[in-house]
């Protein structure tokens, strides 16, 4: 598979800055397709050889829309990601988080909800930290021994995710107000 520069980087959405053991870190969200149920009848192809497999505990990190585009251009691209992925029984789109060193963002304006693209190698080390696959001290050592990664700000995706978030909030409000009586009912023992 040939990947261009945009799709070889993973979109992350900034949230909050915190000091973790003396290191300024940014909590960022990312999207993945996951399954918490076994998925039989799948195949894997390696070197032109195809073999049947059983997928267990799948987490596939999303690097872009599930259509032909390299980046999320609008809220519709994000909604399509959910619709396409969740057509397959047992799959769902999940929003996860990880911690990214603040220094990696350079002088970028760090507003909540800003989308950046991070390289797969840098994402992987942050993912390992978040999932307890690497100790924090080893993470810090890795940072000292590597180059300062270049984060790519994505204005188009920032606008798309902000619009999508606004839609989600409005949809939730409409659902609540449309079913307000059922939300306010007392639960009788």
Foldseek 3Di string as FASTA:
>chain_A
DDDDPQLQWAKWFWADWDQDPNFIKTKTKFKWKWFQDKDFDDWDADPNDIDGDIDHTDTGTGRAFPDDDSHQQALVSVVVSQVVQVVDPRIGMDMDIWIGGPVLAPPDDRDGQWMKTHHPVRVVLRVCPVVVVDDPVVSVVVVVVDDRHHIGTDPSRSNRRVNNVVVVVVVVVCVCVVCVVVVPDDDDD
